[in-house]
Amino acid sequence: MRFNDAESGVYWTASAQDSQICYTCPVKMHAESSMGKVVVRTCDGKVYPGFSRKEDVGDDKVKIITRDGKEKFFATNELKGLFFVKDFKGDPEYDPVKFLNRNSVKASVWVHVEFEDGEVIEGMVRDHMSLLFSSGFYLWPSDEDNNNGLIYIVKKAIRDFEILSAE
């Protein structure tokens, strides 16, 4: 079968032997992992769209597949975050709703994050030791209409962090 990512113009082929295909990226996937659309945002304001999965995020580097199908690596300490997005277009004028959704995942806390560049986001993070000891953490934005479904936030890019409520 032949697929096309209309936004990037990338074409790719899949066979019946493939265990699973990710229909949003130009690479063959396996059942245990899935790739999603991401936007890498660096501390100096640069933006790189591509595709990645949680397994490609490490304490020292992040790997994405660019929209033209090439691997690209970023040093984690140079990033603001890795944003798992619904689409690449986004809306810079969008003002996200910040509120606690009581139907949120258990064993998590609602947090308020202010980045060094002044951007503010709120959402849920896992209440886990990795929140203290790793170089970054995953945040699920509280606003379901936001383009970001999941964000890997690099701690170095944070100006202020506040826990608003615990589940």
Protein backbone atom coordinates (compact mmCIF):
# COMPACT_ATOMS: atom_id res chain seq x y z
CA MET A 1 0.00 0.00 0.00
CA ARG A 2 1.17 3.55 -0.65
CA PHE A 3 0.48 6.44 1.71
CA ASN A 4 0.95 10.19 1.57
CA ASP A 5 1.27 12.66 4.43
CA ALA A 6 -0.54 15.55 2.79
CA GLU A 7 1.10 18.20 5.00
CA SER A 8 4.68 17.11 4.32
CA GLY A 9 4.30 15.51 0.90
CA VAL A 10 6.10 12.39 2.14
CA TYR A 11 5.16 9.15 0.39
CA TRP A 12 5.89 5.74 1.84
CA THR A 13 4.99 2.12 1.25
CA ALA A 14 3.79 -0.63 3.58
CA SER A 15 3.49 -4.35 3.04
CA ALA A 16 1.15 -6.95 4.54
CA GLN A 17 4.03 -8.27 6.67
CA ASP A 18 4.33 -5.00 8.65
CA SER A 19 3.15 -5.47 12.23
CA GLN A 20 1.60 -2.01 12.43
CA ILE A 21 1.72 1.12 10.33
CA CYS A 22 1.67 4.66 11.67
CA TYR A 23 -0.45 6.61 9.20
CA THR A 24 0.98 9.98 10.26
CA CYS A 25 4.67 9.36 9.67
CA PRO A 26 7.01 8.11 6.94
CA VAL A 27 8.35 5.12 8.88
CA LYS A 28 7.26 1.56 9.58
CA MET A 29 6.16 1.04 13.18
CA HIS A 30 6.00 -1.96 15.50
CA ALA A 31 3.09 -2.89 17.74
CA GLU A 32 4.85 -1.85 20.97
CA SER A 33 5.43 1.76 19.90
CA SER A 34 3.64 4.47 18.02
CA MET A 35 4.82 7.70 16.50
CA GLY A 36 3.00 10.96 16.63
CA LYS A 37 3.37 14.41 15.19
CA VAL A 38 5.75 16.52 17.26
CA VAL A 39 7.15 20.01 17.32
CA VAL A 40 10.58 20.48 18.88
CA ARG A 41 10.98 23.94 20.39
CA THR A 42 14.47 25.07 21.34
CA CYS A 43 15.38 27.53 24.08
CA ASP A 44 16.46 30.04 21.44
CA GLY A 45 13.01 30.01 19.80
CA LYS A 46 13.58 27.68 16.84
CA VAL A 47 10.82 25.24 15.85
CA TYR A 48 11.27 21.84 14.16
CA PRO A 49 8.23 19.75 13.13
CA GLY A 50 8.54 16.00 12.76
CA PHE A 51 7.51 12.65 14.18
CA SER A 52 8.62 10.92 17.38
CA ARG A 53 7.57 8.61 20.19
CA LYS A 54 8.08 8.70 23.93
CA GLU A 55 10.84 6.08 23.69
CA ASP A 56 12.94 8.55 21.63
CA VAL A 57 13.17 11.04 24.50
CA GLY A 58 16.17 10.63 26.78
CA ASP A 59 17.81 12.63 29.53
CA ASP A 60 20.55 13.79 27.16
CA LYS A 61 18.98 13.74 23.68
CA VAL A 62 15.73 13.62 21.72
CA LYS A 63 15.32 11.96 18.33
CA ILE A 64 12.73 12.89 15.74
CA ILE A 65 12.04 11.90 12.16
CA THR A 66 11.81 15.06 10.07
CA ARG A 67 8.90 15.61 7.70
CA ASP A 68 11.18 14.58 4.82
CA GLY A 69 11.95 11.25 6.56
CA LYS A 70 15.43 11.94 8.01
CA GLU A 71 16.53 11.32 11.62
CA LYS A 72 17.44 14.44 13.57
CA PHE A 73 18.86 14.55 17.11
CA PHE A 74 18.68 17.39 19.64
CA ALA A 75 20.59 17.83 22.88
CA THR A 76 17.97 17.93 25.65
CA ASN A 77 19.69 20.82 27.43
CA GLU A 78 19.10 23.03 24.35
CA LEU A 79 15.33 22.38 24.28
CA LYS A 80 12.31 24.10 25.73
CA GLY A 81 10.26 21.00 25.07
CA LEU A 82 8.95 18.36 22.71
CA PHE A 83 5.28 19.00 21.94
CA PHE A 84 3.16 16.06 20.74
CA VAL A 85 0.64 17.91 18.57
CA LYS A 86 -2.64 17.19 16.78
CA ASP A 87 -1.47 19.00 13.64
CA PHE A 88 1.60 20.97 12.54
CA LYS A 89 -0.25 24.23 11.87
CA GLY A 90 -1.15 25.14 15.45
CA ASP A 91 -2.55 28.55 16.38
CA PRO A 92 -0.14 31.01 18.03
CA GLU A 93 -3.10 33.24 18.95
CA TYR A 94 -4.91 30.43 20.80
CA ASP A 95 -5.38 31.15 24.52
CA PRO A 96 -5.60 27.76 26.26
CA VAL A 97 -8.13 27.19 29.01
CA LYS A 98 -6.40 26.48 32.32
CA PHE A 99 -8.48 24.42 34.71
CA LEU A 100 -8.42 21.13 36.55
CA ASN A 101 -10.44 18.42 34.85
CA ARG A 102 -11.69 16.15 37.65
CA ASN A 103 -11.81 13.20 35.22
CA SER A 104 -8.02 13.26 34.92
CA VAL A 105 -5.71 10.29 35.28
CA LYS A 106 -5.09 9.06 38.83
CA ALA A 107 -1.66 9.26 40.50
CA SER A 108 -1.00 12.64 38.94
CA VAL A 109 -0.83 16.27 39.96
CA TRP A 110 -2.16 19.40 38.29
CA VAL A 111 0.68 21.85 37.68
CA HIS A 112 1.28 25.37 36.43
CA VAL A 113 4.46 25.77 34.33
CA GLU A 114 5.96 29.07 33.22
CA PHE A 115 8.77 28.82 30.66
CA GLU A 116 11.75 31.19 30.54
CA ASP A 117 10.23 32.83 27.44
CA GLY A 118 7.02 33.69 29.37
CA GLU A 119 4.74 31.01 27.93
CA VAL A 120 2.42 29.50 30.55
CA ILE A 121 0.80 26.08 30.40
CA GLU A 122 -1.16 24.00 32.89
CA GLY A 123 -1.88 20.31 32.94
CA MET A 124 -1.35 16.97 34.61
CA VAL A 125 1.98 15.27 35.31
CA ARG A 126 2.65 11.85 36.83
CA ASP A 127 3.27 12.02 40.55
CA HIS A 128 6.49 10.03 40.40
CA MET A 129 10.13 10.26 41.49
CA SER A 130 11.17 10.93 37.90
CA LEU A 131 9.53 14.36 38.24
CA LEU A 132 12.32 15.23 40.69
CA PHE A 133 15.34 13.49 39.23
CA SER A 134 15.08 13.48 35.42
CA SER A 135 15.99 16.35 33.10
CA GLY A 136 12.38 16.67 31.96
CA PHE A 137 8.85 15.35 32.35
CA TYR A 138 5.64 14.72 30.39
CA LEU A 139 2.67 17.05 30.80
CA TRP A 140 -0.86 16.39 29.55
CA PRO A 141 -2.42 19.84 28.92
CA SER A 142 -5.69 20.46 30.75
CA ASP A 143 -7.25 22.18 27.74
CA GLU A 144 -8.54 19.42 25.44
CA ASP A 145 -8.96 21.91 22.55
CA ASN A 146 -5.26 22.79 22.70
CA ASN A 147 -3.21 21.53 19.73
CA ASN A 148 -0.79 19.82 22.15
CA GLY A 149 -1.87 16.36 23.27
CA LEU A 150 1.31 15.67 25.27
CA ILE A 151 4.42 17.75 25.97
CA TYR A 152 7.87 16.67 27.10
CA ILE A 153 9.07 19.70 29.10
CA VAL A 154 12.78 20.23 29.65
CA LYS A 155 13.30 21.50 33.21
CA LYS A 156 16.12 23.84 32.19
CA ALA A 157 13.59 25.88 30.16
CA ILE A 158 11.29 26.48 33.17
CA ARG A 159 11.14 29.78 35.05
CA ASP A 160 8.42 28.75 37.52
CA PHE A 161 6.74 25.47 38.48
CA GLU A 162 3.81 25.17 40.88
CA ILE A 163 1.72 22.19 41.95
CA LEU A 164 -1.90 23.39 41.98
CA SER A 165 -3.68 20.25 43.15
CA ALA A 166 -3.06 16.57 43.78
CA GLU A 167 -5.45 13.82 42.73
